[in-house]
Amino acid sequence: EGTNTIQSLDLLGRKVLGDNGKKLKKFGKLIAAFVEAEGVREDMQEFVNPLADLGDKVTKLTTELGMKAFGNPDEVGAAAVDYLRVVGHLCFAYFWARMAKVALDKAKDVATAGDPFYTAKLQTARFYFAKLLPETATLIRTARAGLGPLMAMDEALF
């Protein structure tokens, strides 16, 4: 879809690489602070560990794509849509981890223990982390594939 591609090019090309990752680093600091604060809780491990792992992977992927883009700016276009989806998952993982924390805290509170709203939030967070977040592994791999496979397709047509 054209709009998705335009938004992804804007994210990676202008908003991330264009300012040397300043905005992304700022968001990364929010995630790191949350991970540090909540990482000691046993009941948060299923959320905090994958969030921290994805944060590290996004940092590495961003650096790698930035280096490729210095060599050939078309590398940005080859990776942008996959990169957008990975960063989107980073955002969702952060927000679902925060919601899981609230739900877990409410489950311990006598006044809200057993509230179906918080039970559903926790179940949805678990679903997200178990069933949706793992697609980032494939997206990172395809983002790293770079321009070569795309250009090879063009050459094969002629």
N, C-alpha and C. Protein backbone atom coordinates (compact mmCIF):
# COMPACT_ATOMS: atom_id res chain seq x y z
N GLU A 1 0.84 -1.17 0.00
CA GLU A 1 0.00 0.00 0.00
C GLU A 1 0.89 1.23 0.00
N GLY A 2 0.61 2.16 -0.85
CA GLY A 2 1.46 3.33 -1.01
C GLY A 2 1.65 4.15 0.25
N THR A 3 0.59 4.37 0.99
CA THR A 3 0.70 5.20 2.19
C THR A 3 1.63 4.55 3.21
N ASN A 4 1.53 3.25 3.38
CA ASN A 4 2.39 2.54 4.31
C ASN A 4 3.85 2.73 3.91
N THR A 5 4.14 2.61 2.64
CA THR A 5 5.51 2.77 2.17
C THR A 5 6.00 4.19 2.38
N ILE A 6 5.16 5.16 2.07
CA ILE A 6 5.56 6.56 2.27
C ILE A 6 5.84 6.82 3.75
N GLN A 7 4.97 6.32 4.62
CA GLN A 7 5.18 6.52 6.07
C GLN A 7 6.45 5.82 6.54
N SER A 8 6.72 4.63 5.99
CA SER A 8 7.91 3.90 6.42
C SER A 8 9.18 4.59 5.94
N LEU A 9 9.16 5.12 4.73
CA LEU A 9 10.32 5.87 4.23
C LEU A 9 10.56 7.12 5.08
N ASP A 10 9.48 7.78 5.46
CA ASP A 10 9.58 8.96 6.31
C ASP A 10 10.17 8.59 7.68
N LEU A 11 9.68 7.49 8.25
CA LEU A 11 10.19 7.07 9.56
C LEU A 11 11.68 6.78 9.50
N LEU A 12 12.07 5.86 8.63
CA LEU A 12 13.47 5.44 8.61
C LEU A 12 14.38 6.52 8.03
N GLY A 13 13.99 7.08 6.90
CA GLY A 13 14.86 8.03 6.21
C GLY A 13 14.98 9.38 6.88
N ARG A 14 13.84 9.95 7.27
CA ARG A 14 13.87 11.31 7.82
C ARG A 14 13.87 11.35 9.34
N LYS A 15 13.00 10.57 9.95
CA LYS A 15 12.82 10.70 11.39
C LYS A 15 13.87 9.94 12.20
N VAL A 16 14.38 8.85 11.67
CA VAL A 16 15.39 8.10 12.42
C VAL A 16 16.79 8.43 11.92
N LEU A 17 17.06 8.13 10.66
CA LEU A 17 18.41 8.37 10.14
C LEU A 17 18.68 9.85 9.94
N GLY A 18 17.65 10.63 9.67
CA GLY A 18 17.82 12.05 9.42
C GLY A 18 18.32 12.84 10.62
N ASP A 19 18.02 12.35 11.82
CA ASP A 19 18.53 13.05 13.02
C ASP A 19 19.47 12.16 13.83
N ASN A 20 20.06 11.20 13.13
CA ASN A 20 21.00 10.26 13.77
C ASN A 20 20.38 9.51 14.94
N GLY A 21 19.10 9.24 14.85
CA GLY A 21 18.42 8.43 15.85
C GLY A 21 18.07 9.12 17.15
N LYS A 22 18.10 10.45 17.20
CA LYS A 22 17.84 11.17 18.45
C LYS A 22 16.46 10.84 19.03
N LYS A 23 15.43 10.89 18.17
CA LYS A 23 14.07 10.62 18.66
C LYS A 23 13.93 9.17 19.10
N LEU A 24 14.50 8.28 18.32
CA LEU A 24 14.43 6.86 18.67
C LEU A 24 15.18 6.59 19.97
N LYS A 25 16.32 7.22 20.17
CA LYS A 25 17.08 7.05 21.40
C LYS A 25 16.29 7.56 22.60
N LYS A 26 15.56 8.64 22.41
CA LYS A 26 14.73 9.19 23.49
C LYS A 26 13.66 8.17 23.90
N PHE A 27 13.03 7.56 22.90
CA PHE A 27 12.04 6.52 23.18
C PHE A 27 12.72 5.31 23.83
N GLY A 28 13.90 4.97 23.33
CA GLY A 28 14.66 3.87 23.90
C GLY A 28 14.97 4.07 25.38
N LYS A 29 15.21 5.32 25.77
CA LYS A 29 15.47 5.62 27.19
C LYS A 29 14.23 5.37 28.05
N LEU A 30 13.05 5.68 27.51
CA LEU A 30 11.81 5.37 28.23
C LEU A 30 11.67 3.88 28.45
N ILE A 31 11.95 3.14 27.39
CA ILE A 31 11.85 1.68 27.48
C ILE A 31 12.87 1.14 28.47
N ALA A 32 14.11 1.62 28.38
CA ALA A 32 15.16 1.16 29.28
C ALA A 32 14.83 1.44 30.74
N ALA A 33 14.26 2.61 31.01
CA ALA A 33 13.88 2.95 32.38
C ALA A 33 12.78 2.01 32.89
N PHE A 34 11.82 1.72 32.02
CA PHE A 34 10.74 0.80 32.40
C PHE A 34 11.31 -0.59 32.66
N VAL A 35 12.16 -1.06 31.77
CA VAL A 35 12.78 -2.38 31.92
C VAL A 35 13.57 -2.46 33.21
N GLU A 36 14.33 -1.42 33.51
CA GLU A 36 15.13 -1.40 34.73
C GLU A 36 14.23 -1.42 35.98
N ALA A 37 13.17 -0.63 35.94
CA ALA A 37 12.28 -0.54 37.10
C ALA A 37 11.47 -1.82 37.31
N GLU A 38 11.00 -2.41 36.23
CA GLU A 38 10.09 -3.55 36.35
C GLU A 38 10.78 -4.90 36.16
N GLY A 39 12.01 -4.87 35.70
CA GLY A 39 12.72 -6.11 35.42
C GLY A 39 13.02 -6.97 36.64
N VAL A 40 12.92 -6.39 37.81
CA VAL A 40 13.17 -7.13 39.05
C VAL A 40 11.94 -7.92 39.50
N ARG A 41 10.81 -7.62 38.91
CA ARG A 41 9.57 -8.31 39.29
C ARG A 41 9.46 -9.64 38.55
N GLU A 42 9.30 -10.70 39.29
CA GLU A 42 9.15 -12.02 38.70
C GLU A 42 7.93 -12.10 37.79
N ASP A 43 6.84 -11.48 38.22
CA ASP A 43 5.60 -11.56 37.43
C ASP A 43 5.64 -10.71 36.16
N MET A 44 6.68 -9.90 35.99
CA MET A 44 6.81 -9.07 34.78
C MET A 44 7.81 -9.63 33.77
N GLN A 45 8.47 -10.72 34.11
CA GLN A 45 9.52 -11.25 33.24
C GLN A 45 9.01 -11.59 31.84
N GLU A 46 7.82 -12.15 31.75
CA GLU A 46 7.29 -12.55 30.43
C GLU A 46 7.04 -11.35 29.52
N PHE A 47 7.02 -10.16 30.08
CA PHE A 47 6.81 -8.94 29.29
C PHE A 47 8.10 -8.13 29.15
N VAL A 48 8.83 -8.01 30.23
CA VAL A 48 10.03 -7.17 30.25
C VAL A 48 11.16 -7.79 29.42
N ASN A 49 11.36 -9.08 29.53
CA ASN A 49 12.48 -9.70 28.81
C ASN A 49 12.33 -9.57 27.29
N PRO A 50 11.18 -9.90 26.71
CA PRO A 50 11.06 -9.71 25.26
C PRO A 50 11.13 -8.25 24.83
N LEU A 51 10.61 -7.36 25.67
CA LEU A 51 10.68 -5.93 25.37
C LEU A 51 12.14 -5.47 25.33
N ALA A 52 12.91 -5.84 26.33
CA ALA A 52 14.33 -5.46 26.37
C ALA A 52 15.07 -6.05 25.18
N ASP A 53 14.77 -7.30 24.85
CA ASP A 53 15.43 -7.96 23.73
C ASP A 53 15.12 -7.24 22.42
N LEU A 54 13.86 -6.89 22.21
CA LEU A 54 13.50 -6.19 20.98
C LEU A 54 14.12 -4.80 20.94
N GLY A 55 14.18 -4.13 22.06
CA GLY A 55 14.85 -2.82 22.10
C GLY A 55 16.29 -2.91 21.64
N ASP A 56 16.99 -3.93 22.11
CA ASP A 56 18.38 -4.14 21.68
C ASP A 56 18.45 -4.44 20.18
N LYS A 57 17.54 -5.26 19.71
CA LYS A 57 17.54 -5.62 18.30
C LYS A 57 17.24 -4.42 17.40
N VAL A 58 16.33 -3.56 17.83
CA VAL A 58 16.02 -2.37 17.05
C VAL A 58 17.23 -1.44 16.99
N THR A 59 17.94 -1.30 18.10
CA THR A 59 19.15 -0.47 18.10
C THR A 59 20.17 -1.02 17.10
N LYS A 60 20.40 -2.31 17.13
CA LYS A 60 21.37 -2.93 16.22
C LYS A 60 20.90 -2.82 14.77
N LEU A 61 19.62 -3.07 14.53
CA LEU A 61 19.09 -2.99 13.17
C LEU A 61 19.19 -1.57 12.63
N THR A 62 18.87 -0.60 13.45
CA THR A 62 18.94 0.80 13.03
C THR A 62 20.37 1.18 12.65
N THR A 63 21.30 0.78 13.47
CA THR A 63 22.72 1.06 13.18
C THR A 63 23.14 0.40 11.87
N GLU A 64 22.77 -0.85 11.71
CA GLU A 64 23.12 -1.59 10.50
C GLU A 64 22.52 -0.94 9.26
N LEU A 65 21.25 -0.57 9.33
CA LEU A 65 20.61 0.05 8.17
C LEU A 65 21.19 1.43 7.88
N GLY A 66 21.55 2.16 8.92
CA GLY A 66 22.19 3.45 8.73
C GLY A 66 23.51 3.32 8.01
N MET A 67 24.28 2.31 8.37
CA MET A 67 25.57 2.09 7.72
C MET A 67 25.37 1.71 6.25
N LYS A 68 24.39 0.87 5.98
CA LYS A 68 24.10 0.49 4.60
C LYS A 68 23.65 1.70 3.79
N ALA A 69 22.86 2.56 4.40
CA ALA A 69 22.34 3.73 3.70
C ALA A 69 23.45 4.71 3.32
N PHE A 70 24.51 4.76 4.14
CA PHE A 70 25.65 5.61 3.77
C PHE A 70 26.26 5.14 2.46
N GLY A 71 26.30 3.83 2.27
CA GLY A 71 26.86 3.27 1.05
C GLY A 71 25.94 3.39 -0.14
N ASN A 72 24.64 3.25 0.11
CA ASN A 72 23.65 3.33 -0.97
C ASN A 72 22.32 3.76 -0.36
N PRO A 73 21.86 4.96 -0.63
CA PRO A 73 20.61 5.46 -0.05
C PRO A 73 19.38 4.60 -0.39
N ASP A 74 19.45 3.84 -1.47
CA ASP A 74 18.33 2.97 -1.83
C ASP A 74 18.11 1.84 -0.82
N GLU A 75 19.10 1.59 0.01
CA GLU A 75 18.95 0.57 1.06
C GLU A 75 17.82 0.94 2.03
N VAL A 76 17.61 2.23 2.21
CA VAL A 76 16.52 2.70 3.08
C VAL A 76 15.18 2.21 2.54
N GLY A 77 14.97 2.38 1.26
CA GLY A 77 13.72 1.94 0.65
C GLY A 77 13.51 0.45 0.72
N ALA A 78 14.60 -0.30 0.61
CA ALA A 78 14.50 -1.76 0.64
C ALA A 78 14.10 -2.28 2.02
N ALA A 79 14.43 -1.55 3.07
CA ALA A 79 14.19 -2.01 4.44
C ALA A 79 13.05 -1.29 5.14
N ALA A 80 12.57 -0.19 4.59
CA ALA A 80 11.71 0.73 5.32
C ALA A 80 10.41 0.12 5.82
N VAL A 81 9.70 -0.63 5.00
CA VAL A 81 8.39 -1.16 5.43
C VAL A 81 8.59 -2.16 6.57
N ASP A 82 9.56 -3.04 6.42
CA ASP A 82 9.82 -4.01 7.49
C ASP A 82 10.26 -3.30 8.76
N TYR A 83 11.09 -2.28 8.61
CA TYR A 83 11.57 -1.51 9.76
C TYR A 83 10.39 -0.83 10.47
N LEU A 84 9.49 -0.25 9.73
CA LEU A 84 8.31 0.39 10.32
C LEU A 84 7.53 -0.61 11.17
N ARG A 85 7.36 -1.80 10.66
CA ARG A 85 6.60 -2.82 11.40
C ARG A 85 7.35 -3.24 12.67
N VAL A 86 8.67 -3.36 12.58
CA VAL A 86 9.45 -3.73 13.77
C VAL A 86 9.34 -2.64 14.83
N VAL A 87 9.50 -1.40 14.43
CA VAL A 87 9.41 -0.29 15.38
C VAL A 87 7.98 -0.19 15.94
N GLY A 88 7.00 -0.47 15.10
CA GLY A 88 5.62 -0.51 15.59
C GLY A 88 5.45 -1.56 16.68
N HIS A 89 6.06 -2.72 16.48
CA HIS A 89 6.00 -3.76 17.50
C HIS A 89 6.73 -3.33 18.77
N LEU A 90 7.82 -2.60 18.62
CA LEU A 90 8.51 -2.09 19.81
C LEU A 90 7.58 -1.19 20.62
N CYS A 91 6.85 -0.34 19.92
CA CYS A 91 5.89 0.55 20.59
C CYS A 91 4.78 -0.26 21.27
N PHE A 92 4.21 -1.20 20.52
CA PHE A 92 3.14 -2.03 21.09
C PHE A 92 3.65 -2.84 22.29
N ALA A 93 4.84 -3.40 22.18
CA ALA A 93 5.38 -4.20 23.28
C ALA A 93 5.56 -3.34 24.53
N TYR A 94 6.04 -2.13 24.34
CA TYR A 94 6.21 -1.23 25.47
C TYR A 94 4.87 -0.92 26.13
N PHE A 95 3.88 -0.57 25.32
CA PHE A 95 2.58 -0.22 25.89
C PHE A 95 1.86 -1.43 26.49
N TRP A 96 1.98 -2.60 25.86
CA TRP A 96 1.35 -3.79 26.43
C TRP A 96 2.05 -4.19 27.73
N ALA A 97 3.35 -4.03 27.81
CA ALA A 97 4.06 -4.33 29.05
C ALA A 97 3.60 -3.39 30.17
N ARG A 98 3.41 -2.14 29.83
CA ARG A 98 2.92 -1.18 30.83
C ARG A 98 1.49 -1.54 31.28
N MET A 99 0.65 -1.94 30.32
CA MET A 99 -0.71 -2.35 30.69
C MET A 99 -0.70 -3.61 31.53
N ALA A 100 0.21 -4.54 31.22
CA ALA A 100 0.32 -5.77 32.01
C ALA A 100 0.72 -5.44 33.44
N LYS A 101 1.62 -4.49 33.61
CA LYS A 101 2.04 -4.08 34.96
C LYS A 101 0.84 -3.58 35.75
N VAL A 102 0.04 -2.72 35.13
CA VAL A 102 -1.14 -2.19 35.81
C VAL A 102 -2.09 -3.33 36.16
N ALA A 103 -2.33 -4.23 35.20
CA ALA A 103 -3.25 -5.34 35.44
C ALA A 103 -2.75 -6.25 36.56
N LEU A 104 -1.44 -6.52 36.58
CA LEU A 104 -0.88 -7.34 37.65
C LEU A 104 -1.00 -6.65 39.00
N ASP A 105 -0.76 -5.35 39.02
CA ASP A 105 -0.91 -4.59 40.27
C ASP A 105 -2.35 -4.60 40.75
N LYS A 106 -3.28 -4.45 39.81
CA LYS A 106 -4.70 -4.44 40.17
C LYS A 106 -5.15 -5.82 40.66
N ALA A 107 -4.54 -6.88 40.14
CA ALA A 107 -4.89 -8.23 40.58
C ALA A 107 -4.49 -8.47 42.03
N LYS A 108 -3.49 -7.74 42.51
CA LYS A 108 -3.02 -7.87 43.90
C LYS A 108 -3.80 -6.97 44.86
N ASP A 109 -4.50 -5.99 44.31
CA ASP A 109 -5.27 -5.04 45.11
C ASP A 109 -6.61 -5.67 45.46
N VAL A 110 -6.94 -5.71 46.73
CA VAL A 110 -8.18 -6.33 47.20
C VAL A 110 -9.40 -5.71 46.52
N ALA A 111 -9.37 -4.43 46.30
CA ALA A 111 -10.53 -3.73 45.71
C ALA A 111 -10.75 -4.10 44.25
N THR A 112 -9.70 -4.48 43.54
CA THR A 112 -9.84 -4.73 42.09
C THR A 112 -9.47 -6.16 41.69
N ALA A 113 -9.10 -6.99 42.65
CA ALA A 113 -8.73 -8.37 42.33
C ALA A 113 -9.91 -9.08 41.67
N GLY A 114 -9.64 -9.76 40.60
CA GLY A 114 -10.69 -10.50 39.89
C GLY A 114 -11.52 -9.67 38.95
N ASP A 115 -11.22 -8.39 38.83
CA ASP A 115 -11.96 -7.53 37.90
C ASP A 115 -11.74 -8.04 36.47
N PRO A 116 -12.83 -8.34 35.76
CA PRO A 116 -12.69 -8.90 34.41
C PRO A 116 -11.95 -7.98 33.43
N PHE A 117 -12.02 -6.69 33.64
CA PHE A 117 -11.32 -5.75 32.77
C PHE A 117 -9.81 -5.99 32.83
N TYR A 118 -9.27 -6.08 34.05
CA TYR A 118 -7.83 -6.27 34.21
C TYR A 118 -7.41 -7.69 33.84
N THR A 119 -8.28 -8.64 34.08
CA THR A 119 -8.00 -10.02 33.65
C THR A 119 -7.89 -10.07 32.14
N ALA A 120 -8.79 -9.39 31.44
CA ALA A 120 -8.76 -9.36 29.97
C ALA A 120 -7.52 -8.63 29.46
N LYS A 121 -7.14 -7.56 30.13
CA LYS A 121 -5.92 -6.82 29.73
C LYS A 121 -4.70 -7.73 29.82
N LEU A 122 -4.60 -8.46 30.91
CA LEU A 122 -3.47 -9.35 31.11
C LEU A 122 -3.47 -10.48 30.07
N GLN A 123 -4.62 -11.03 29.81
CA GLN A 123 -4.72 -12.09 28.80
C GLN A 123 -4.36 -11.57 27.41
N THR A 124 -4.78 -10.36 27.11
CA THR A 124 -4.47 -9.77 25.80
C THR A 124 -2.98 -9.47 25.69
N ALA A 125 -2.38 -8.99 26.76
CA ALA A 125 -0.94 -8.74 26.76
C ALA A 125 -0.18 -10.05 26.53
N ARG A 126 -0.61 -11.09 27.20
CA ARG A 126 0.05 -12.39 27.01
C ARG A 126 -0.12 -12.89 25.57
N PHE A 127 -1.30 -12.70 25.03
CA PHE A 127 -1.53 -13.08 23.62
C PHE A 127 -0.59 -12.30 22.71
N TYR A 128 -0.50 -11.00 22.92
CA TYR A 128 0.36 -10.18 22.08
C TYR A 128 1.81 -10.68 22.13
N PHE A 129 2.33 -10.88 23.33
CA PHE A 129 3.73 -11.28 23.47
C PHE A 129 3.98 -12.68 22.94
N ALA A 130 2.99 -13.57 23.05
CA ALA A 130 3.19 -14.95 22.59
C ALA A 130 2.93 -15.13 21.10
N LYS A 131 1.96 -14.41 20.55
CA LYS A 131 1.52 -14.69 19.18
C LYS A 131 1.86 -13.63 18.15
N LEU A 132 2.02 -12.39 18.54
CA LEU A 132 2.25 -11.32 17.57
C LEU A 132 3.68 -10.80 17.58
N LEU A 133 4.23 -10.57 18.75
CA LEU A 133 5.58 -10.03 18.83
C LEU A 133 6.63 -10.91 18.14
N PRO A 134 6.50 -12.22 18.16
CA PRO A 134 7.52 -13.05 17.50
C PRO A 134 7.69 -12.80 16.00
N GLU A 135 6.72 -12.17 15.35
CA GLU A 135 6.90 -11.90 13.92
C GLU A 135 8.03 -10.92 13.67
N THR A 136 8.52 -10.25 14.70
CA THR A 136 9.63 -9.32 14.51
C THR A 136 10.89 -10.03 14.05
N ALA A 137 11.05 -11.29 14.40
CA ALA A 137 12.24 -12.03 13.96
C ALA A 137 12.29 -12.10 12.44
N THR A 138 11.16 -12.38 11.82
CA THR A 138 11.09 -12.44 10.36
C THR A 138 11.27 -11.05 9.76
N LEU A 139 10.64 -10.07 10.34
CA LEU A 139 10.74 -8.70 9.82
C LEU A 139 12.17 -8.18 9.88
N ILE A 140 12.86 -8.47 10.95
CA ILE A 140 14.25 -8.04 11.07
C ILE A 140 15.10 -8.73 10.00
N ARG A 141 14.84 -9.99 9.80
CA ARG A 141 15.60 -10.73 8.78
C ARG A 141 15.34 -10.17 7.38
N THR A 142 14.10 -9.87 7.07
CA THR A 142 13.80 -9.34 5.74
C THR A 142 14.31 -7.92 5.58
N ALA A 143 14.30 -7.13 6.65
CA ALA A 143 14.87 -5.78 6.58
C ALA A 143 16.37 -5.86 6.30
N ARG A 144 17.02 -6.84 6.90
CA ARG A 144 18.47 -7.01 6.70
C ARG A 144 18.82 -7.55 5.32
N ALA A 145 17.87 -8.14 4.63
CA ALA A 145 18.14 -8.72 3.31
C ALA A 145 18.64 -7.67 2.33
N GLY A 146 18.21 -6.44 2.55
CA GLY A 146 18.74 -5.33 1.78
C GLY A 146 18.23 -5.24 0.36
N LEU A 147 18.96 -4.46 -0.39
CA LEU A 147 18.59 -4.09 -1.75
C LEU A 147 18.86 -5.20 -2.77
N GLY A 148 19.84 -6.05 -2.50
CA GLY A 148 20.26 -7.07 -3.45
C GLY A 148 19.13 -7.92 -4.03
N PRO A 149 18.31 -8.55 -3.21
CA PRO A 149 17.23 -9.39 -3.75
C PRO A 149 16.22 -8.60 -4.61
N LEU A 150 15.98 -7.34 -4.24
CA LEU A 150 15.06 -6.52 -5.03
C LEU A 150 15.65 -6.18 -6.39
N MET A 151 16.91 -5.80 -6.40
CA MET A 151 17.55 -5.43 -7.66
C MET A 151 17.75 -6.64 -8.56
N ALA A 152 17.97 -7.79 -7.97
CA ALA A 152 18.11 -9.02 -8.75
C ALA A 152 16.81 -9.33 -9.50
N MET A 153 15.69 -9.00 -8.90
CA MET A 153 14.39 -9.21 -9.55
C MET A 153 14.28 -8.33 -10.79
N ASP A 154 14.68 -7.07 -10.66
CA ASP A 154 14.63 -6.17 -11.81
C ASP A 154 15.51 -6.68 -12.95
N GLU A 155 16.69 -7.15 -12.61
CA GLU A 155 17.61 -7.64 -13.62
C GLU A 155 17.08 -8.89 -14.30
N ALA A 156 16.38 -9.73 -13.55
CA ALA A 156 15.84 -10.97 -14.11
C ALA A 156 14.73 -10.71 -15.12
N LEU A 157 14.07 -9.56 -15.00
CA LEU A 157 12.97 -9.23 -15.90
C LEU A 157 13.45 -8.75 -17.26
N PHE A 158 14.69 -8.34 -17.36
CA PHE A 158 15.16 -7.76 -18.60
C PHE A 158 16.04 -8.71 -19.36
